Amino acid sequence: MRFMMMIKHTEDRKALPKELSDAIAKTTEGGKAPIIVASGALAPTAASSRVRISGGQLTVTDGPFMETKEVVGGFAILEFQSREEAVESARQYMELYRKHWPGWEGETEVRQVYGPEDYTVEASQPDLTPQGQREAE
């Protein structure tokens, strides 16, 4: 199963301390690490735009977004056997932040990524409930 981990923190972030960067790099060694499908850091909101539909109107707003307290600063899409395994990996990742970047505050949100194979479209109304959830009900 694929899970996305989104790292959220305040916009005033600084570069990762070298000790943290080195510790994160070590987690991919030794053959026990999950398969990384994609990962990356995200640009600050000052270099971003939002495209929104509200009340039937489409608007584009360029950053920075002052009303935002926390932003998604990075992401990773990883392969795990279960949700529990993904959450445990996120917990271990946050433990590295706690250990190597004292005073940093933030969170990692873990969400399963569904692909086209996880959905079916039946009759005239699409049912976008993932197949695994339907079968469990």
C-alpha atoms as a PDB file:
ATOM      1  CA  MET A   1       0.000   0.000   0.000  1.00  0.00           C
ATOM      2  CA  ARG A   2       1.148   3.519  -0.698  1.00  0.00           C
ATOM      3  CA  PHE A   3       1.036   6.213   1.934  1.00  0.00           C
ATOM      4  CA  MET A   4       1.842   9.895   1.691  1.00  0.00           C
ATOM      5  CA  MET A   5       3.587  11.523   4.598  1.00  0.00           C
ATOM      6  CA  MET A   6       3.228  15.289   4.696  1.00  0.00           C
ATOM      7  CA  ILE A   7       5.513  17.214   7.012  1.00  0.00           C
ATOM      8  CA  LYS A   8       3.784  20.302   8.414  1.00  0.00           C
ATOM      9  CA  HIS A   9       5.464  23.139  10.277  1.00  0.00           C
ATOM     10  CA  THR A  10       5.490  26.899  10.591  1.00  0.00           C
ATOM     11  CA  GLU A  11       6.537  28.918   7.569  1.00  0.00           C
ATOM     12  CA  ASP A  12       9.633  30.301   9.302  1.00  0.00           C
ATOM     13  CA  ARG A  13      11.543  27.053   8.916  1.00  0.00           C
ATOM     14  CA  LYS A  14      15.247  26.967   8.389  1.00  0.00           C
ATOM     15  CA  ALA A  15      17.463  24.438   6.643  1.00  0.00           C
ATOM     16  CA  LEU A  16      17.638  20.982   8.219  1.00  0.00           C
ATOM     17  CA  PRO A  17      20.500  20.618  10.664  1.00  0.00           C
ATOM     18  CA  LYS A  18      23.252  18.410   9.202  1.00  0.00           C
ATOM     19  CA  GLU A  19      22.845  15.904  12.053  1.00  0.00           C
ATOM     20  CA  LEU A  20      19.160  15.479  11.171  1.00  0.00           C
ATOM     21  CA  SER A  21      19.883  15.213   7.458  1.00  0.00           C
ATOM     22  CA  ASP A  22      22.507  12.532   8.149  1.00  0.00           C
ATOM     23  CA  ALA A  23      20.144  10.614  10.472  1.00  0.00           C
ATOM     24  CA  ILE A  24      17.374  10.665   7.848  1.00  0.00           C
ATOM     25  CA  ALA A  25      19.812   9.415   5.194  1.00  0.00           C
ATOM     26  CA  LYS A  26      20.769   6.485   7.450  1.00  0.00           C
ATOM     27  CA  THR A  27      17.128   5.332   7.598  1.00  0.00           C
ATOM     28  CA  THR A  28      17.327   4.363   3.919  1.00  0.00           C
ATOM     29  CA  GLU A  29      20.304   2.074   4.491  1.00  0.00           C
ATOM     30  CA  GLY A  30      20.266  -1.576   5.482  1.00  0.00           C
ATOM     31  CA  GLY A  31      17.454  -2.975   3.359  1.00  0.00           C
ATOM     32  CA  LYS A  32      14.697  -2.467   5.962  1.00  0.00           C
ATOM     33  CA  ALA A  33      13.611   0.949   4.697  1.00  0.00           C
ATOM     34  CA  PRO A  34      10.316   1.294   2.836  1.00  0.00           C
ATOM     35  CA  ILE A  35      10.360   1.815  -0.920  1.00  0.00           C
ATOM     36  CA  ILE A  36      10.351   5.546  -1.656  1.00  0.00           C
ATOM     37  CA  VAL A  37       8.075   6.278  -4.623  1.00  0.00           C
ATOM     38  CA  ALA A  38       8.604  10.067  -4.521  1.00  0.00           C
ATOM     39  CA  SER A  39       9.735  12.682  -2.018  1.00  0.00           C
ATOM     40  CA  GLY A  40      10.721  16.300  -1.839  1.00  0.00           C
ATOM     41  CA  ALA A  41      10.751  19.595  -0.009  1.00  0.00           C
ATOM     42  CA  LEU A  42       8.261  22.268  -1.031  1.00  0.00           C
ATOM     43  CA  ALA A  43       8.937  25.923  -1.797  1.00  0.00           C
ATOM     44  CA  PRO A  44       7.707  28.529   0.710  1.00  0.00           C
ATOM     45  CA  THR A  45       4.211  29.913   0.246  1.00  0.00           C
ATOM     46  CA  ALA A  46       5.729  33.208  -0.946  1.00  0.00           C
ATOM     47  CA  ALA A  47       6.630  31.358  -4.151  1.00  0.00           C
ATOM     48  CA  SER A  48       3.251  29.580  -4.381  1.00  0.00           C
ATOM     49  CA  SER A  49      -0.243  30.191  -5.731  1.00  0.00           C
ATOM     50  CA  ARG A  50      -3.693  28.918  -4.815  1.00  0.00           C
ATOM     51  CA  VAL A  51      -6.411  28.285  -7.378  1.00  0.00           C
ATOM     52  CA  ARG A  52      -9.860  28.133  -5.787  1.00  0.00           C
ATOM     53  CA  ILE A  53     -13.487  27.770  -6.823  1.00  0.00           C
ATOM     54  CA  SER A  54     -15.928  29.386  -4.424  1.00  0.00           C
ATOM     55  CA  GLY A  55     -19.464  30.505  -5.158  1.00  0.00           C
ATOM     56  CA  GLY A  56     -18.969  29.426  -8.752  1.00  0.00           C
ATOM     57  CA  GLN A  57     -16.042  31.838  -9.172  1.00  0.00           C
ATOM     58  CA  LEU A  58     -12.490  30.813  -9.962  1.00  0.00           C
ATOM     59  CA  THR A  59      -9.746  32.861  -8.302  1.00  0.00           C
ATOM     60  CA  VAL A  60      -5.966  32.704  -8.256  1.00  0.00           C
ATOM     61  CA  THR A  61      -4.136  34.040  -5.201  1.00  0.00           C
ATOM     62  CA  ASP A  62      -0.375  34.359  -5.068  1.00  0.00           C
ATOM     63  CA  GLY A  63       1.451  33.744  -1.801  1.00  0.00           C
ATOM     64  CA  PRO A  64       2.537  34.304   0.821  1.00  0.00           C
ATOM     65  CA  PHE A  65      -0.593  33.210   2.652  1.00  0.00           C
ATOM     66  CA  MET A  66      -0.561  35.081   5.947  1.00  0.00           C
ATOM     67  CA  GLU A  67      -3.585  33.273   7.408  1.00  0.00           C
ATOM     68  CA  THR A  68      -1.741  29.952   7.283  1.00  0.00           C
ATOM     69  CA  LYS A  69      -0.243  28.883  10.625  1.00  0.00           C
ATOM     70  CA  GLU A  70       1.280  25.627   9.381  1.00  0.00           C
ATOM     71  CA  VAL A  71       2.253  24.659   5.862  1.00  0.00           C
ATOM     72  CA  VAL A  72       3.149  21.405   4.181  1.00  0.00           C
ATOM     73  CA  GLY A  73       6.892  21.792   3.817  1.00  0.00           C
ATOM     74  CA  GLY A  74       7.751  18.394   2.420  1.00  0.00           C
ATOM     75  CA  PHE A  75       6.283  15.083   1.377  1.00  0.00           C
ATOM     76  CA  ALA A  76       7.159  11.467   0.726  1.00  0.00           C
ATOM     77  CA  ILE A  77       5.150   8.703  -0.914  1.00  0.00           C
ATOM     78  CA  LEU A  78       6.272   5.359   0.480  1.00  0.00           C
ATOM     79  CA  GLU A  79       5.295   1.694   0.145  1.00  0.00           C
ATOM     80  CA  PHE A  80       4.230  -0.125   3.345  1.00  0.00           C
ATOM     81  CA  GLN A  81       2.445  -3.364   4.154  1.00  0.00           C
ATOM     82  CA  SER A  82      -0.100  -1.656   6.420  1.00  0.00           C
ATOM     83  CA  ARG A  83      -1.312   1.649   7.830  1.00  0.00           C
ATOM     84  CA  GLU A  84       0.193   0.690  11.194  1.00  0.00           C
ATOM     85  CA  GLU A  85       3.609   0.245   9.583  1.00  0.00           C
ATOM     86  CA  ALA A  86       3.300   3.679   7.910  1.00  0.00           C
ATOM     87  CA  VAL A  87       2.333   5.366  11.191  1.00  0.00           C
ATOM     88  CA  GLU A  88       5.222   3.703  13.015  1.00  0.00           C
ATOM     89  CA  SER A  89       7.614   4.922  10.321  1.00  0.00           C
ATOM     90  CA  ALA A  90       6.270   8.480  10.708  1.00  0.00           C
ATOM     91  CA  ARG A  91       6.681   8.222  14.483  1.00  0.00           C
ATOM     92  CA  GLN A  92      10.311   7.159  14.061  1.00  0.00           C
ATOM     93  CA  TYR A  93      10.875   9.995  11.580  1.00  0.00           C
ATOM     94  CA  MET A  94       9.470  12.556  14.020  1.00  0.00           C
ATOM     95  CA  GLU A  95      11.688  11.051  16.726  1.00  0.00           C
ATOM     96  CA  LEU A  96      14.694  11.992  14.565  1.00  0.00           C
ATOM     97  CA  TYR A  97      13.422  15.575  14.405  1.00  0.00           C
ATOM     98  CA  ARG A  98      12.965  15.659  18.190  1.00  0.00           C
ATOM     99  CA  LYS A  99      16.444  14.285  18.796  1.00  0.00           C
ATOM    100  CA  HIS A 100      18.407  16.279  16.196  1.00  0.00           C
ATOM    101  CA  TRP A 101      16.480  19.562  15.993  1.00  0.00           C
ATOM    102  CA  PRO A 102      15.573  20.677  19.546  1.00  0.00           C
ATOM    103  CA  GLY A 103      12.841  23.301  19.559  1.00  0.00           C
ATOM    104  CA  TRP A 104      11.439  22.354  16.123  1.00  0.00           C
ATOM    105  CA  GLU A 105       7.682  21.897  16.166  1.00  0.00           C
ATOM    106  CA  GLY A 106       5.529  20.312  13.544  1.00  0.00           C
ATOM    107  CA  GLU A 107       3.769  17.127  12.552  1.00  0.00           C
ATOM    108  CA  THR A 108       3.696  14.442   9.919  1.00  0.00           C
ATOM    109  CA  GLU A 109       0.309  13.549   8.499  1.00  0.00           C
ATOM    110  CA  VAL A 110      -0.004  10.002   7.145  1.00  0.00           C
ATOM    111  CA  ARG A 111      -2.606   9.334   4.441  1.00  0.00           C
ATOM    112  CA  GLN A 112      -3.105   6.346   2.186  1.00  0.00           C
ATOM    113  CA  VAL A 113      -2.742   7.069  -1.517  1.00  0.00           C
ATOM    114  CA  TYR A 114      -5.409   5.470  -3.707  1.00  0.00           C
ATOM    115  CA  GLY A 115      -4.789   4.777  -7.366  1.00  0.00           C
ATOM    116  CA  PRO A 116      -7.260   4.238 -10.221  1.00  0.00           C
ATOM    117  CA  GLU A 117      -7.275   0.504  -9.486  1.00  0.00           C
ATOM    118  CA  ASP A 118      -8.794   1.241  -6.053  1.00  0.00           C
ATOM    119  CA  TYR A 119     -11.972   2.830  -7.447  1.00  0.00           C
ATOM    120  CA  THR A 120     -14.870   1.661  -9.529  1.00  0.00           C
ATOM    121  CA  VAL A 121     -17.417   3.636 -11.483  1.00  0.00           C
ATOM    122  CA  GLU A 122     -20.777   1.872 -11.622  1.00  0.00           C
ATOM    123  CA  ALA A 123     -24.069   2.885 -13.259  1.00  0.00           C
ATOM    124  CA  SER A 124     -24.664   6.605 -13.744  1.00  0.00           C
ATOM    125  CA  GLN A 125     -23.339   7.687 -10.355  1.00  0.00           C
ATOM    126  CA  PRO A 126     -19.696   7.018  -9.612  1.00  0.00           C
ATOM    127  CA  ASP A 127     -18.882   5.353  -6.306  1.00  0.00           C
ATOM    128  CA  LEU A 128     -15.506   6.704  -5.302  1.00  0.00           C
ATOM    129  CA  THR A 129     -15.273   4.656  -2.132  1.00  0.00           C
ATOM    130  CA  PRO A 130     -12.052   2.636  -2.265  1.00  0.00           C
ATOM    131  CA  GLN A 131     -12.803  -1.035  -2.960  1.00  0.00           C
ATOM    132  CA  GLY A 132     -11.105  -2.205   0.234  1.00  0.00           C
ATOM    133  CA  GLN A 133     -13.387   0.002   2.345  1.00  0.00           C
ATOM    134  CA  ARG A 134     -16.512  -1.210   0.518  1.00  0.00           C
ATOM    135  CA  GLU A 135     -15.610  -4.841   1.053  1.00  0.00           C
ATOM    136  CA  ALA A 136     -14.926  -4.259   4.749  1.00  0.00           C
ATOM    137  CA  GLU A 137     -18.361  -2.728   5.332  1.00  0.00           C
END
